[in-house]
Amino acid sequence: MNCFSMCLDLKNDPEAIEKYIHYHKNVWPEVESALKEVGIISMRIFHTKGRLFMVMETKDDFSPEIDFPKYLEIHHKCKEWDRLMQNFQQKIPGAKESDWWSSMDLVYHLK
């Protein structure tokens, strides 16, 4: 199993942040099913002060750049979900042009 961490910001709008959190308490089943189908075993998204931190546990051969976007093609509701979520999100400062969610490097792991 692999573990990936990524971050993204929410737009500075308290009402929009509240809506984003509400949506994530009620994620559409088609989205969850598609995420699992592409190899995501577990996903957690944490929030603080407008910053999102996502942790994904995946199958060993999972590549975030290649496999994560594939969930959008599995069911039309996934593209709808993605477009809806992008209304609330924005890249972190200094993110690469090609990134939406920015990958994070592991700097410490207590075993």
Foldseek 3Di string as FASTA:
>chain_A
DDKWKWKWFWPPDVVLVVVLVVCVVPPDPLLVVLQVVLFFPDKDWDDDPGMIMMMTDGPPVDDCVPRVVVSCVPDVVNVVVVVVNVVTTQGDPPADPPDRTGTDDDDDDDD
